[in-house]
Each structure stands twice: as structure tokens, then as C-alpha cells.
Protein backbone atom coordinates (compact mmCIF):
# COMPACT_ATOMS: atom_id res chain seq x y z
CA MET A 1 115.63 62.69 11.26
CA VAL A 2 118.89 63.85 12.96
CA ILE A 3 120.24 67.25 13.85
CA GLY A 4 123.72 68.13 14.82
CA TYR A 5 126.81 70.60 14.13
CA LEU A 6 129.35 69.10 12.06
CA ASP A 7 132.22 69.53 14.34
CA ASP A 8 130.60 67.13 16.94
CA ILE A 9 129.58 64.45 14.35
CA GLU A 10 131.10 61.09 16.44
CA SER A 11 128.10 62.44 18.62
CA SER A 12 125.11 62.59 16.55
CA LEU A 13 123.07 59.91 16.41
CA LEU A 14 123.12 59.05 12.51
CA PRO A 15 124.13 55.73 11.65
CA THR A 16 128.20 54.77 12.08
CA ARG A 17 128.56 54.68 8.57
CA LEU A 18 126.85 58.26 8.10
CA GLN A 19 129.07 59.52 10.74
CA ALA A 20 132.06 57.93 8.99
CA LEU A 21 131.05 59.47 5.68
CA LEU A 22 131.08 62.93 7.43
CA ALA A 23 134.07 63.34 9.44
CA ASP A 24 136.47 62.96 6.67
CA ASP A 25 138.24 65.70 5.88
CA PHE A 26 135.94 67.06 2.80
CA PHE A 27 132.78 67.78 4.59
CA SER A 28 135.06 70.01 6.91
CA HIS A 29 132.63 73.28 7.44
CA GLN A 30 135.65 75.53 5.98
CA HIS A 31 136.20 72.54 3.29
CA LEU A 32 132.86 72.50 2.62
CA LEU A 33 132.62 76.82 2.22
CA SER A 34 135.19 77.05 0.32
CA LEU A 35 133.78 75.13 -2.51
CA ALA A 36 132.22 76.78 -5.23
CA ASP A 37 128.46 76.40 -6.03
CA GLY A 38 127.93 73.49 -8.13
CA LYS A 39 127.50 69.08 -7.59
CA TYR A 40 130.73 67.25 -6.58
CA GLU A 41 130.62 63.38 -6.66
CA VAL A 42 131.84 61.73 -3.64
CA HIS A 43 130.75 57.76 -4.25
CA GLN A 44 129.54 58.00 -8.18
CA ASP A 45 126.21 58.66 -8.47
CA GLN A 46 125.08 56.65 -4.83
CA VAL A 47 127.05 60.39 -2.92
CA PHE A 48 127.25 63.36 -3.56
CA VAL A 49 127.04 66.87 -2.59
CA LEU A 50 125.66 70.13 -4.25
CA ILE A 51 126.73 73.39 -2.67
CA SER A 52 124.52 76.07 -3.34
CA SER A 53 124.14 80.20 -2.08
CA PRO A 54 120.45 81.17 -2.32
CA SER A 55 118.29 83.23 -0.06
CA THR A 56 115.97 82.86 2.58
CA LYS A 57 112.75 83.73 2.43
CA ALA A 58 109.38 83.52 3.99
CA GLY A 59 107.82 79.85 5.04
CA ASP A 60 105.15 80.36 2.52
CA GLU A 61 106.77 80.81 -0.35
CA CYS A 62 108.83 77.41 0.04
CA ARG A 63 107.78 74.30 -0.83
CA SER A 64 108.22 70.83 0.85
CA GLU A 65 109.62 68.33 -0.91
CA PHE A 66 110.96 64.83 -0.33
CA HIS A 67 112.94 61.83 -1.93
CA GLU A 68 112.29 58.71 -2.77
CA HIS A 69 115.88 57.01 -2.69
CA TYR A 70 118.29 60.07 -1.41
CA ILE A 71 118.60 60.66 2.59
CA ASP A 72 119.76 64.52 2.72
CA ILE A 73 121.72 65.82 5.02
CA GLN A 74 121.42 69.45 4.71
CA ILE A 75 124.98 71.33 6.17
CA LEU A 76 124.21 75.69 6.55
CA LEU A 77 127.63 76.87 6.20
CA SER A 78 127.01 81.02 6.39
CA GLY A 79 123.84 82.83 7.64
CA GLU A 80 120.24 81.05 9.41
CA GLU A 81 117.51 79.17 7.80
CA MET A 82 114.48 77.41 8.92
CA ILE A 83 113.58 74.35 7.88
CA GLY A 84 109.51 72.97 7.93
CA CYS A 85 109.20 69.57 8.57
CA GLY A 86 106.05 66.92 8.98
CA PRO A 87 105.35 63.24 8.93
CA LEU A 88 107.15 60.21 6.53
CA VAL A 89 105.05 61.29 3.37
CA ALA A 90 102.75 57.96 2.55
CA THR A 91 103.37 57.80 -1.24
CA GLU A 92 104.11 59.92 -3.85
CA HIS A 93 101.44 58.86 -5.48
CA GLY A 94 99.89 61.79 -7.66
CA VAL A 95 102.95 63.85 -7.09
CA THR A 96 105.37 64.17 -10.04
CA PRO A 97 108.97 64.69 -9.38
CA THR A 98 110.69 67.96 -11.03
CA HIS A 99 114.16 66.27 -10.81
CA PRO A 100 115.39 62.55 -10.28
CA ASP A 101 113.91 61.58 -7.17
CA LEU A 102 112.84 65.46 -6.24
CA PHE A 103 109.13 65.75 -5.18
CA PHE A 104 107.38 68.70 -4.54
CA THR A 105 103.92 69.26 -2.10
CA ASP A 106 102.05 72.03 -1.13
CA GLU A 107 101.34 70.17 2.09
CA PRO A 108 100.51 73.58 4.42
CA ALA A 109 100.77 71.75 7.93
CA LEU A 110 104.16 71.19 8.81
CA THR A 111 104.31 71.51 12.84
CA GLN A 112 107.74 71.33 13.10
CA HIS A 113 110.26 74.27 12.65
CA LEU A 114 114.16 73.59 12.71
CA SER A 115 116.75 76.74 13.10
CA LEU A 116 119.54 76.18 11.49
CA ARG A 117 122.86 78.34 12.90
CA ALA A 118 126.27 78.03 10.42
CA GLY A 119 127.94 74.61 11.09
CA MET A 120 124.74 72.91 12.50
CA PHE A 121 122.87 70.24 10.04
CA ALA A 122 119.69 68.31 9.48
CA SER A 123 119.23 65.26 7.93
CA PHE A 124 116.31 63.99 6.15
CA TYR A 125 115.18 60.08 4.69
CA PRO A 126 113.56 59.14 2.17
CA ARG A 127 109.89 60.36 2.52
CA GLU A 128 110.51 62.48 5.03
CA LEU A 129 108.68 66.18 4.75
CA HIS A 130 111.22 69.12 4.69
CA ARG A 131 110.87 72.63 3.84
CA PRO A 132 114.53 74.36 3.93
CA LEU A 133 115.30 77.48 2.49
CA CYS A 134 112.81 79.16 4.98
CA GLN A 135 113.94 82.88 6.92
CA VAL A 136 114.91 82.83 10.26
CA ASN A 137 113.71 86.79 11.34
CA ALA A 138 113.91 88.12 8.08
CA PRO A 139 115.46 86.96 4.70
CA MET A 140 119.14 86.33 4.07
CA PRO A 141 121.38 85.14 1.58
CA ILE A 142 123.38 81.77 3.06
CA LYS A 143 125.59 79.00 2.13
CA LYS A 144 124.24 75.45 2.59
CA ALA A 145 125.89 72.05 1.52
CA VAL A 146 123.22 69.60 0.63
CA VAL A 147 124.65 66.28 1.09
CA LYS A 148 122.79 63.17 -1.46
CA ILE A 149 123.48 59.47 -0.16
CA HIS A 150 121.22 56.89 -2.21
CA ARG A 151 119.62 54.29 0.10
CA GLN A 152 121.66 51.86 -1.36
CA TRP A 153 124.85 52.63 -0.46
CA LEU A 154 124.31 52.59 3.57
CA ALA A 155 122.45 49.85 3.25
CA ALA A 156 125.15 48.04 1.77
CA ALA A 157 127.10 48.96 4.86
CA ASP A 158 125.13 46.68 6.63
CA HIS A 159 125.30 43.55 5.42
CA GLN A 160 128.89 44.11 5.88
CA LEU A 161 128.47 43.71 9.70
């Protein structure tokens, strides 16, 4: 997991290829904020962005999730959001995905919490447990972008070095 500010992406500890991706004008805070809710393809099914405008809610009303193949870079565009996070999930055994590569679990003990403000991001690698959309002080409408990056897209860059 890496957290940081979108406008200072070059100082983040993200891999170089992810930094370069997020430094593109498409991923500027203002551009992402201007997009309507929906899915935006960047590199076929290897990299895409989901824009949504949900409301935060009490942490015990949110569900913990993880992914097997995709990295999530969750970018808060407006409002405040708390994201719970926990240890790596050893296996998806016994957990059924509700969407391709989206597994929900009732893991109650997330011991870390990240408080995000507009312009911040948090990245979650495959099998890193996270619980997004938790309220900070009270429920509020937010807007966020979730950049989904297939692990093979990132691995392909490693072979080019």
C-alpha cells in the first residue's frame, strides 16, 4: 500500500511505471473531477478508471474487499473518506467474487485507517484487504476515481528494464 498526493506523484513510492501513468494529463485532479460517473478505458482491459459519486457511511456498514489480479489506486476527488486496511489475504478460497476480480469478505478487524482528503490517493495491490467509503466524522457525498491496473501490465514493464 502506498498513499500520497496526486499533484506530487513523482515523490510517491509507487513503481516508476505507475508514477508515469498517473503523471499523464488524463489523471490530473481537475480532469478526473470533470468526468461523469462511469468507466473509462485507458489501456484496453489492462488499465481503466471507474468514476463514482457515492456517499460515505459508518465503517461497520462498509464491506472489506480485495482483488486477485488488479491493483486499485483509489483517488479522492472531493470530500473526505476513511479507508480501512488490513493484512494480505492468503486466499480467496470460500469467497465468491461479486464482479470479476472483486472479492468481499466480512473481515472485521482492520487495524489501520487512512483518512483521505481531496487530491490524495491510496494504492492497494492484489490481495491487500481494504474497506473504502467509510465516513470520517459524518456521512458525506464524495467523488472518487478508482484506477484499476492489471498486474500483468505492471509486470510487462519489469521485463523491459
